[in-house]
Protein backbone atom coordinates (compact mmCIF):
# COMPACT_ATOMS: atom_id res chain seq x y z
CA ARG A 1 112.31 110.84 96.44
CA SER A 2 112.16 111.24 92.67
CA SER A 3 115.58 112.85 92.19
CA PHE A 4 117.73 110.22 93.84
CA PRO A 5 116.88 107.32 91.47
CA VAL A 6 117.99 109.55 88.57
CA LEU A 7 121.31 110.18 90.30
CA ALA A 8 121.76 106.48 91.02
CA CYS A 9 121.70 105.75 87.28
CA VAL A 10 124.53 108.14 86.41
CA ASP A 11 127.92 106.55 85.67
CA ARG A 12 130.11 108.25 88.28
CA ARG A 13 133.23 107.07 86.51
CA GLN A 14 132.40 109.55 83.77
CA PHE A 15 130.51 112.28 85.65
CA ALA A 16 131.16 114.11 88.93
CA LEU A 17 127.78 114.82 90.51
CA THR A 18 126.70 117.96 92.36
CA VAL A 19 123.13 118.48 93.57
CA ALA A 20 121.74 121.95 94.33
CA CYS A 21 118.78 121.60 96.70
CA PRO A 22 117.34 122.91 100.00
CA PRO A 23 119.69 122.47 102.99
CA GLU A 24 117.45 120.03 104.88
CA GLY A 25 115.36 117.00 104.15
CA PRO A 26 115.61 113.30 103.32
CA LEU A 27 117.35 113.95 99.98
CA VAL A 28 120.28 115.65 101.73
CA GLN A 29 120.78 112.64 104.00
CA ARG A 30 120.68 110.22 101.06
CA LEU A 31 123.19 112.35 99.15
CA LYS A 32 125.59 112.28 102.09
CA SER A 33 125.22 108.52 102.45
CA ALA A 34 125.92 108.05 98.73
CA GLY A 35 128.92 110.40 98.75
CA ILE A 36 127.31 112.89 96.33
CA ALA A 37 128.22 116.57 96.69
CA GLN A 38 125.40 118.90 97.76
CA VAL A 39 125.19 122.70 97.65
CA THR A 40 122.36 124.81 99.05
CA LEU A 41 119.82 126.30 96.64
CA ASP A 42 116.42 126.89 98.24
CA PHE A 43 113.83 127.65 95.55
CA GLN A 44 111.04 128.12 98.10
CA ARG A 45 112.66 130.77 100.29
CA CYS A 46 114.87 132.87 98.01
CA ALA A 47 113.93 135.71 95.65
CA GLN A 48 114.39 135.11 91.92
CA LEU A 49 117.41 137.42 91.58
CA CYS A 50 119.08 135.76 94.56
CA LEU A 51 118.44 132.33 93.04
CA PHE A 52 119.87 133.44 89.69
CA VAL A 53 123.08 134.78 91.26
CA ARG A 54 123.44 131.68 93.44
CA LEU A 55 122.88 129.31 90.52
CA VAL A 56 125.38 131.17 88.33
CA TRP A 57 127.96 130.93 91.12
CA ILE A 58 127.33 127.19 91.50
CA ILE A 59 127.69 126.60 87.75
CA TRP A 60 130.92 128.58 87.51
CA SER A 61 132.53 127.36 90.71
CA ARG A 62 131.72 123.70 90.04
CA GLY A 63 132.48 123.75 86.32
CA ILE A 64 129.05 122.37 85.40
CA THR A 65 128.85 121.06 81.81
CA VAL A 66 125.51 119.19 81.99
CA LEU A 67 122.67 120.68 84.03
CA HIS A 68 119.47 118.82 84.88
CA GLY A 69 116.71 121.06 86.19
CA HIS A 70 114.12 119.14 88.21
CA MET A 71 111.36 121.74 88.61
CA GLY A 72 109.20 123.13 85.80
CA ARG A 73 108.35 126.42 87.51
CA VAL A 74 111.98 127.52 87.60
CA GLY A 75 112.69 126.53 84.01
CA PRO A 76 113.08 130.16 82.82
CA LEU A 77 115.45 130.90 85.71
CA ILE A 78 117.54 127.84 84.87
CA ALA A 79 117.58 128.79 81.18
CA ALA A 80 118.77 132.31 81.98
CA ALA A 81 121.55 131.06 84.25
CA VAL A 82 122.84 128.43 81.83
CA ALA A 83 122.75 130.91 78.93
CA PHE A 84 124.75 133.39 81.01
CA CYS A 85 127.27 130.68 81.89
CA ARG A 86 127.17 128.99 78.46
CA VAL A 87 126.52 125.52 79.82
CA PRO A 88 126.85 123.03 76.91
CA ALA A 89 123.91 120.71 77.75
CA VAL A 90 120.69 121.52 79.60
CA ILE A 91 117.83 119.14 80.47
CA LEU A 92 114.56 120.10 82.18
CA HIS A 93 112.35 117.59 83.99
CA GLU A 94 108.64 118.43 83.58
CA HIS A 95 106.22 116.94 86.13
CA MET A 96 103.01 118.91 85.82
CA HIS A 97 100.38 119.71 83.22
CA GLY A 98 98.08 122.66 82.65
CA ALA A 99 98.76 126.26 81.73
CA ASP A 100 96.92 128.30 84.37
CA HIS A 101 100.06 129.22 86.40
CA PHE A 102 97.76 129.55 89.42
CA TRP A 103 100.65 130.54 91.71
CA LEU A 104 100.90 133.78 89.67
CA ALA A 105 97.13 134.40 89.42
CA ASN A 106 97.28 137.65 91.42
CA ARG A 107 100.61 138.86 90.03
CA PRO A 108 100.05 139.83 86.35
CA VAL A 109 103.47 141.43 85.86
CA GLN A 110 105.31 138.40 87.21
CA ARG A 111 103.10 136.14 85.10
CA TRP A 112 103.97 138.12 81.95
CA VAL A 113 107.68 137.93 82.77
CA HIS A 114 107.33 134.21 83.50
CA THR A 115 105.66 133.64 80.11
CA LEU A 116 108.42 135.54 78.30
CA GLY A 117 110.93 133.46 80.23
CA HIS A 118 109.39 130.29 78.88
CA VAL A 119 109.65 131.64 75.32
CA PHE A 120 113.35 132.25 75.91
CA MET A 121 113.71 128.88 77.63
CA CYS A 122 112.39 127.02 74.58
CA ARG A 123 115.45 128.20 72.65
CA ARG A 124 117.97 127.28 75.33
CA ILE A 125 116.84 123.93 76.79
CA ASP A 126 118.25 120.97 74.86
CA ARG A 127 115.79 118.33 76.08
CA VAL A 128 112.67 118.18 78.24
CA ILE A 129 111.82 114.94 80.05
CA ALA A 130 108.09 114.55 80.76
CA VAL A 131 106.82 111.97 83.23
CA SER A 132 103.80 111.02 81.11
CA ALA A 133 102.46 111.33 77.56
CA HIS A 134 99.80 113.74 78.85
CA ALA A 135 102.42 115.98 80.49
CA ARG A 136 104.42 115.92 77.24
CA GLU A 137 101.49 117.01 75.07
CA SER A 138 100.45 119.68 77.58
CA TYR A 139 103.98 121.07 77.74
CA ILE A 140 104.31 121.20 73.94
CA GLN A 141 100.96 122.97 73.55
CA ARG A 142 101.43 125.60 76.23
CA GLN A 143 105.13 126.32 75.66
CA GLY A 144 105.41 125.85 71.90
CA PHE A 145 108.35 123.52 72.48
CA ASP A 146 109.76 121.42 69.62
CA PRO A 147 108.09 117.98 69.98
CA GLN A 148 111.30 116.27 68.88
CA ARG A 149 113.01 117.57 72.02
CA VAL A 150 110.37 116.43 74.54
CA LEU A 151 110.82 112.83 75.70
CA VAL A 152 108.67 110.66 77.98
CA ILE A 153 110.31 108.74 80.82
CA PRO A 154 107.56 107.58 83.22
CA ASN A 155 108.03 107.69 86.96
CA GLY A 156 108.65 104.30 88.51
CA VAL A 157 109.13 102.63 91.86
CA ASP A 158 111.61 99.80 92.33
CA CYS A 159 109.72 97.12 94.26
CA SER A 160 112.25 94.35 93.70
CA ASP A 161 113.36 94.47 97.34
CA ARG A 162 109.82 94.55 98.75
CA GLU A 163 107.99 91.47 99.92
CA ARG A 164 104.75 90.96 98.02
CA LEU A 165 101.57 90.84 100.09
CA THR A 166 99.58 87.64 100.17
CA PRO A 167 95.80 87.73 99.61
CA ASP A 168 95.31 87.37 103.37
CA ASP A 169 97.71 90.30 103.97
CA ARG A 170 95.72 92.42 101.54
CA ARG A 171 92.42 91.65 103.23
CA ALA A 172 93.91 92.43 106.64
CA LEU A 173 95.26 95.75 105.35
CA ARG A 174 91.88 96.77 103.99
CA VAL A 175 90.26 96.00 107.35
CA ARG A 176 92.97 97.99 109.16
CA LEU A 177 92.16 100.97 106.94
CA GLY A 178 88.47 100.65 107.81
CA PHE A 179 87.25 98.99 104.62
CA GLU A 180 85.57 95.69 103.82
CA PRO A 181 88.02 92.76 103.40
CA ASP A 182 87.15 92.31 99.71
CA ALA A 183 86.79 95.97 98.76
CA LEU A 184 88.43 97.21 95.55
CA LEU A 185 90.91 99.69 96.98
CA VAL A 186 92.06 102.61 94.78
CA GLY A 187 94.98 104.65 96.13
CA ALA A 188 96.84 107.85 95.32
CA ALA A 189 100.18 108.72 96.94
CA GLY A 190 102.30 111.85 96.64
CA ARG A 191 102.63 115.46 97.70
CA LEU A 192 99.21 116.92 98.50
CA ILE A 193 99.44 119.98 96.24
CA ARG A 194 97.12 121.36 93.58
CA GLU A 195 99.36 120.40 90.67
CA LYS A 196 98.98 116.70 91.46
CA GLY A 197 95.27 116.73 90.61
CA TYR A 198 93.82 115.25 93.80
CA ALA A 199 90.66 117.27 93.22
CA ASP A 200 90.12 115.19 90.07
CA PHE A 201 90.72 112.01 92.08
CA VAL A 202 88.08 113.03 94.64
CA ALA A 203 85.62 114.13 91.94
CA ALA A 204 86.03 110.81 90.11
CA ALA A 205 85.43 108.67 93.19
CA PRO A 206 81.59 108.86 93.29
CA LEU A 207 81.40 108.33 89.52
CA ILE A 208 83.49 105.19 89.83
CA ARG A 209 81.39 103.92 92.75
CA GLU A 210 78.26 104.19 90.62
CA ALA A 211 79.78 101.66 88.24
CA VAL A 212 81.80 99.69 90.82
CA PRO A 213 79.98 99.82 94.20
CA GLN A 214 82.73 97.89 96.02
CA ALA A 215 85.35 100.53 95.16
CA ARG A 216 86.94 102.42 98.05
CA PHE A 217 89.50 105.24 97.92
CA VAL A 218 92.50 106.32 99.99
CA ILE A 219 94.99 109.18 99.65
CA ALA A 220 98.43 109.15 101.28
CA GLY A 221 100.82 112.07 101.44
CA GLU A 222 101.69 115.45 102.96
CA GLY A 223 101.04 118.96 101.73
CA ASP A 224 98.79 122.01 101.90
CA GLN A 225 95.66 120.37 100.43
C-alpha cells in the first residue's frame, strides 16, 4: 500500500522499474495491472544469506543502477548487496523509530552483527527517507547517520477521488460503530505490529478521555497484536 504510490511517481520514460517483493499479495496484483516488472524476494521466509545471494542476482541480472530499499530492518543486507555489486545510487526508506531491536532480543550474536551492519550501512547508503521528523531524529541518533543525508517525506493518502462524508453521514457512521452520534472519534489505521506504537495509542486513550470525555477510539488493521 505504501510502495505503489512511490512507483507511480517515477518517470517511466527515464527509468525501467523492477520491484523485488514477496510472490503474493495486493502489491503483486497492482504491479501486474500497471505493467511493472516483479521478481520474488521474500524477506519474511528466507535466511539472510539466501536473501543476500538472491538480491545480488537480481541487481546483476537486471542491471540495477538506483536501488530503493523499503524496509529498515534489512538495511544492512541491502547495503552489503549494493556494495558487492557497486550500485551507483542507494536510498533507504525508514518507517520506524526506537533502538531496542526487539526482534533480536534473544539473539545477542545476531544483534551484534546487525549493529555492525548498520555501521557499515551508514557509509554506503546515499540517502535515507524518513516518514516523519521523529523517525528522522531517532534514526540519526541510533545509527549515527549524517543528518544532511536523512530527508523527511511524510506518508500521505490521496483522497481526491473519494466522496467526502456529510455531517449526517459522519453521525450515522459513529452510530454504526457503536458510539454516540456526536462523539469525537479518534482513529488509528495500519498494520497491527509493535513498531507502529499501538500500545501508546491505547495508553493515551484514558488520559485523553479525562480531558475530553466525549472522545472515543477505534483501531483498524491486521497483524499479530
